[in-house]
Amino acid sequence: MKKSLKILSLVLSFSLLFIACTKDDPAGMDEMRDKAKLVFINATVNNSTVPGEALREVGIYPVYNGLNFNNHPIQYPWTNGYKAFDPGTLNLKLDTCFSPGTNPPSLDRATVKDLSLQVEADSYYSLFSVGTIYAVDTFFIRDDLSFPSSGKAKILFLNLSIDAGPIDIVNAVTGEVVAANISYKDRRGYVEVNPGNYRYQINAAGTSTVLRAARDLIIDANSVYTVWARGLRTIPAPGSTLANHQLQLSYHANRWTY
């Protein structure tokens, strides 16, 4: 069967359960050589110590050159998929869907970050919002969507957990350290692997201390993935933080071939 290249219109994140990827392309995205392509991912955690505020999901609107492509904010830890832009300076504003520190929460959107990105034609980028909802930061990377070696997949590993410290990503079945000593807002890879099912866990760097038990990953041949640690290693008192804001691994396919 002829292989079909898929640049995902929706880059899906995974946490507790695997969710099957969609096979839909963004229309012509892989053919828009004159455009820069950017995906936004919300990796900003809620670390509030106030019980009512700790239970809030604070979504983020990415606004590109004054345009908002989304009817709804991007919730943690999801994305809005690759968007195409003219090369050059891309002005980006991140708005929360309401002001997070008011009780009851204000419904007014609050700008939490303004930034200007330099993007090039025929290139792919990822912008993660990181940090906490009270101190939003960003992590901007250029994605390498070139094919891995024939029959292989390749994976980029990121540490986006604000308090995990340096980490190792470890194959829980073999004990192999697949990405070592990754500090906050740092990366390792791309690493080529055979396709198949994997169980990766988060260890404190250079130790056998497991910070987060293994998660299942389904890796397909001739595809490109990002695996990223996110969430809080230490849940602040009084412990009201939502479970999905605890330290764990997410992953998504940037380029999927089937």
Protein backbone atom coordinates (compact mmCIF):
# COMPACT_ATOMS: atom_id res chain seq x y z
CA MET A 1 0.00 0.00 0.00
CA LYS A 2 1.31 3.43 -0.86
CA LYS A 3 2.33 5.39 2.21
CA SER A 4 0.63 8.70 2.78
CA LEU A 5 2.32 11.54 4.63
CA LYS A 6 0.25 13.26 7.28
CA ILE A 7 1.15 16.57 8.87
CA LEU A 8 -1.45 16.53 11.60
CA SER A 9 -4.02 19.28 11.57
CA LEU A 10 -4.55 18.52 15.22
CA VAL A 11 -1.40 17.52 17.10
CA LEU A 12 -2.78 15.32 19.83
CA SER A 13 -1.30 15.09 23.34
CA PHE A 14 -1.47 11.94 25.39
CA SER A 15 -1.46 11.44 29.15
CA LEU A 16 -3.33 8.64 30.89
CA LEU A 17 -4.77 6.99 27.79
CA PHE A 18 -3.71 6.69 24.17
CA ILE A 19 -6.05 8.48 21.82
CA ALA A 20 -5.83 7.51 18.16
CA CYS A 21 -4.48 10.15 15.82
CA THR A 22 -6.69 11.58 13.13
CA LYS A 23 -5.63 10.89 9.55
CA ASP A 24 -6.71 14.31 8.27
CA ASP A 25 -4.18 16.69 6.73
CA PRO A 26 -4.35 20.42 7.12
CA ALA A 27 -5.36 21.21 3.56
CA GLY A 28 -2.18 21.50 1.54
CA MET A 29 -0.06 22.26 4.63
CA ASP A 30 2.84 20.10 3.46
CA GLU A 31 2.71 21.83 0.07
CA MET A 32 2.79 25.43 1.39
CA ARG A 33 6.52 25.85 0.88
CA ASP A 34 6.28 29.64 0.95
CA LYS A 35 4.78 29.66 4.46
CA ALA A 36 6.03 29.14 7.99
CA LYS A 37 4.01 26.68 10.08
CA LEU A 38 3.53 27.03 13.84
CA VAL A 39 1.73 24.87 16.38
CA PHE A 40 0.78 26.16 19.85
CA ILE A 41 0.65 23.81 22.86
CA ASN A 42 -0.67 24.81 26.29
CA ALA A 43 1.72 23.34 28.89
CA THR A 44 1.04 25.99 31.56
CA VAL A 45 0.08 24.48 34.92
CA ASN A 46 -2.17 25.73 37.68
CA ASN A 47 -0.09 25.87 40.88
CA SER A 48 -2.52 27.85 43.01
CA THR A 49 -2.56 27.31 46.78
CA VAL A 50 -6.13 28.61 47.01
CA PRO A 51 -8.59 25.65 46.85
CA GLY A 52 -11.13 27.32 44.57
CA GLU A 53 -8.49 28.63 42.18
CA ALA A 54 -6.54 25.35 42.14
CA LEU A 55 -9.52 23.59 40.57
CA ARG A 56 -9.73 25.95 37.62
CA GLU A 57 -8.77 25.05 34.10
CA VAL A 58 -7.33 28.21 32.59
CA GLY A 59 -7.33 28.00 28.81
CA ILE A 60 -5.15 30.19 26.61
CA TYR A 61 -6.01 31.95 23.34
CA PRO A 62 -3.03 32.37 21.00
CA VAL A 63 -3.60 35.54 18.95
CA TYR A 64 -1.45 35.75 15.81
CA ASN A 65 -0.79 39.21 14.31
CA GLY A 66 -4.01 40.35 15.93
CA LEU A 67 -6.06 37.38 14.66
CA ASN A 68 -7.63 34.72 16.88
CA PHE A 69 -8.19 31.47 14.98
CA ASN A 70 -9.99 29.74 17.85
CA ASN A 71 -13.57 30.00 19.06
CA HIS A 72 -12.52 28.43 22.36
CA PRO A 73 -9.32 28.71 24.40
CA ILE A 74 -6.71 25.96 24.21
CA GLN A 75 -6.99 23.96 27.41
CA TYR A 76 -4.07 22.31 29.19
CA PRO A 77 -2.36 20.20 27.78
CA TRP A 78 -3.80 20.52 24.28
CA THR A 79 -3.04 22.31 21.03
CA ASN A 80 -4.65 24.05 18.08
CA GLY A 81 -2.58 22.34 15.37
CA TYR A 82 -0.18 23.82 12.83
CA LYS A 83 -1.15 27.16 11.31
CA ALA A 84 0.49 28.73 8.25
CA PHE A 85 1.91 32.26 8.27
CA ASP A 86 3.96 34.55 6.07
CA PRO A 87 7.68 34.35 6.88
CA GLY A 88 9.26 37.16 8.86
CA THR A 89 8.11 38.58 12.18
CA LEU A 90 5.10 36.89 13.76
CA ASN A 91 3.60 38.88 16.63
CA LEU A 92 1.92 36.60 19.11
CA LYS A 93 -0.18 37.42 22.13
CA LEU A 94 -1.33 34.86 24.70
CA ASP A 95 -4.61 35.63 26.45
CA THR A 96 -6.16 33.62 29.26
CA CYS A 97 -9.88 32.97 28.96
CA PHE A 98 -10.40 34.79 32.26
CA SER A 99 -8.31 36.51 34.90
CA PRO A 100 -7.11 33.58 37.05
CA GLY A 101 -6.49 35.39 40.33
CA THR A 102 -9.92 36.85 41.05
CA ASN A 103 -12.70 35.33 43.14
CA PRO A 104 -15.05 34.75 41.49
CA PRO A 105 -12.96 34.71 38.31
CA SER A 106 -13.36 37.68 36.04
CA LEU A 107 -14.70 36.73 32.62
CA ASP A 108 -12.47 39.37 31.06
CA ARG A 109 -9.60 37.95 29.03
CA ALA A 110 -6.19 38.80 30.38
CA THR A 111 -3.06 39.10 28.26
CA VAL A 112 -0.29 37.08 29.92
CA LYS A 113 2.41 37.18 27.26
CA ASP A 114 3.42 39.25 24.24
CA LEU A 115 6.23 38.07 21.99
CA SER A 116 7.62 38.43 18.49
CA LEU A 117 8.90 35.35 16.68
CA GLN A 118 11.12 35.21 13.61
CA VAL A 119 9.87 32.46 11.31
CA GLU A 120 11.09 31.24 7.93
CA ALA A 121 9.32 29.87 4.88
CA ASP A 122 9.09 26.09 4.48
CA SER A 123 9.77 25.57 8.18
CA TYR A 124 7.82 24.13 11.12
CA TYR A 125 7.85 25.43 14.69
CA SER A 126 6.34 24.61 18.08
CA LEU A 127 5.48 27.19 20.70
CA PHE A 128 4.71 25.85 24.18
CA SER A 129 3.26 28.06 26.88
CA VAL A 130 4.99 26.88 30.05
CA GLY A 131 5.45 28.06 33.64
CA THR A 132 2.31 28.63 35.71
CA ILE A 133 -0.94 30.50 35.13
CA TYR A 134 0.41 33.29 37.37
CA ALA A 135 3.77 33.48 35.58
CA VAL A 136 3.32 32.33 31.99
CA ASP A 137 6.52 31.67 30.07
CA THR A 138 7.16 30.23 26.60
CA PHE A 139 9.41 27.67 24.92
CA PHE A 140 9.89 28.09 21.18
CA ILE A 141 11.59 25.47 19.02
CA ARG A 142 12.08 24.71 15.36
CA ASP A 143 10.69 21.29 14.45
CA ASP A 144 12.63 18.90 12.24
CA LEU A 145 10.00 17.11 10.21
CA SER A 146 12.43 15.44 7.84
CA PHE A 147 11.98 11.70 7.54
CA PRO A 148 13.92 9.38 9.83
CA SER A 149 15.90 6.48 8.39
CA SER A 150 13.69 4.11 6.42
CA GLY A 151 11.48 2.05 8.69
CA LYS A 152 12.39 4.09 11.78
CA ALA A 153 10.67 6.83 13.79
CA LYS A 154 12.35 9.77 15.46
CA ILE A 155 11.51 11.41 18.76
CA LEU A 156 12.33 14.75 20.34
CA PHE A 157 12.32 14.77 24.18
CA LEU A 158 11.52 17.92 26.20
CA ASN A 159 11.36 18.79 29.90
CA LEU A 160 8.58 21.34 30.43
CA SER A 161 7.92 20.62 34.12
CA ILE A 162 8.72 23.72 36.11
CA ASP A 163 9.69 21.89 39.32
CA ALA A 164 10.81 18.39 38.29
CA GLY A 165 14.49 19.33 38.10
CA PRO A 166 16.77 17.57 35.59
CA ILE A 167 15.19 14.32 34.39
CA ASP A 168 15.94 11.16 32.47
CA ILE A 169 13.40 9.52 30.19
CA VAL A 170 13.77 5.79 30.75
CA ASN A 171 12.44 2.75 28.90
CA ALA A 172 10.63 1.05 31.78
CA VAL A 173 10.90 -2.38 30.13
CA THR A 174 14.62 -2.43 29.29
CA GLY A 175 15.92 0.14 31.76
CA GLU A 176 17.63 2.06 28.94
CA VAL A 177 17.96 5.81 29.42
CA VAL A 178 16.68 7.14 26.11
CA ALA A 179 17.14 10.84 26.95
CA ALA A 180 19.46 11.87 29.78
CA ASN A 181 19.75 14.85 32.10
CA ILE A 182 17.15 17.12 30.51
CA SER A 183 16.81 20.39 32.40
CA TYR A 184 13.71 22.58 32.43
CA LYS A 185 13.08 24.10 28.98
CA ASP A 186 15.72 21.86 27.45
CA ARG A 187 15.64 19.17 24.77
CA ARG A 188 17.30 15.92 23.70
CA GLY A 189 17.13 14.39 20.26
CA TYR A 190 15.98 13.69 17.78
CA VAL A 191 16.46 10.02 18.70
CA GLU A 192 15.70 7.33 16.11
CA VAL A 193 13.81 4.26 17.35
CA ASN A 194 12.16 1.22 15.86
CA PRO A 195 8.38 1.46 15.56
CA GLY A 196 6.35 -0.31 18.22
CA ASN A 197 4.81 0.08 21.66
CA TYR A 198 6.97 1.68 24.35
CA ARG A 199 6.68 2.32 28.08
CA TYR A 200 8.59 5.42 29.14
CA GLN A 201 8.92 6.75 32.67
CA ILE A 202 10.42 9.88 34.24
CA ASN A 203 13.40 9.45 36.58
CA ALA A 204 15.38 12.01 38.50
CA ALA A 205 18.46 12.54 36.33
CA GLY A 206 21.28 10.07 36.93
CA THR A 207 19.31 8.04 39.48
CA SER A 208 16.88 5.15 39.71
CA THR A 209 14.34 7.38 41.50
CA VAL A 210 11.09 7.20 39.57
CA LEU A 211 9.30 10.53 39.52
CA ARG A 212 6.44 9.31 37.35
CA ALA A 213 5.53 5.73 36.50
CA ALA A 214 5.58 4.52 32.92
CA ARG A 215 3.15 5.58 30.22
CA ASP A 216 2.41 3.68 27.01
CA LEU A 217 3.43 5.22 23.70
CA ILE A 218 2.51 3.90 20.27
CA ILE A 219 5.22 4.83 17.76
CA ASP A 220 4.72 4.35 14.01
CA ALA A 221 7.41 4.00 11.37
CA ASN A 222 8.51 6.94 9.20
CA SER A 223 6.98 9.42 11.66
CA VAL A 224 8.20 12.23 13.91
CA TYR A 225 7.13 12.65 17.54
CA THR A 226 7.62 14.99 20.48
CA VAL A 227 7.61 13.46 23.98
CA TRP A 228 7.43 16.02 26.77
CA ALA A 229 7.39 16.01 30.55
CA ARG A 230 4.86 18.44 32.00
CA GLY A 231 3.02 19.17 35.22
CA LEU A 232 4.05 19.54 38.85
CA ARG A 233 6.34 17.16 40.71
CA THR A 234 5.20 18.68 44.01
CA ILE A 235 1.52 19.48 44.40
CA PRO A 236 1.12 22.66 46.48
CA ALA A 237 -0.92 22.68 49.66
CA PRO A 238 -3.81 22.22 50.21
CA GLY A 239 -3.61 19.57 47.48
CA SER A 240 -6.58 20.73 45.43
CA THR A 241 -4.65 20.79 42.15
CA LEU A 242 -6.30 18.88 39.33
CA ALA A 243 -4.87 15.39 38.79
CA ASN A 244 -3.84 16.07 35.20
CA HIS A 245 -1.54 18.87 36.41
CA GLN A 246 0.67 16.36 38.21
CA LEU A 247 4.00 15.40 36.64
CA GLN A 248 3.55 13.09 33.66
CA LEU A 249 4.53 12.48 30.06
CA SER A 250 2.61 13.64 27.03
CA TYR A 251 3.41 12.99 23.40
CA HIS A 252 2.19 13.92 19.98
CA ALA A 253 2.96 13.14 16.36
CA ASN A 254 4.29 16.14 14.44
CA ARG A 255 4.49 14.09 11.25
CA TRP A 256 2.68 10.79 10.86
CA THR A 257 3.05 8.30 8.03
CA TYR A 258 0.86 5.23 7.74
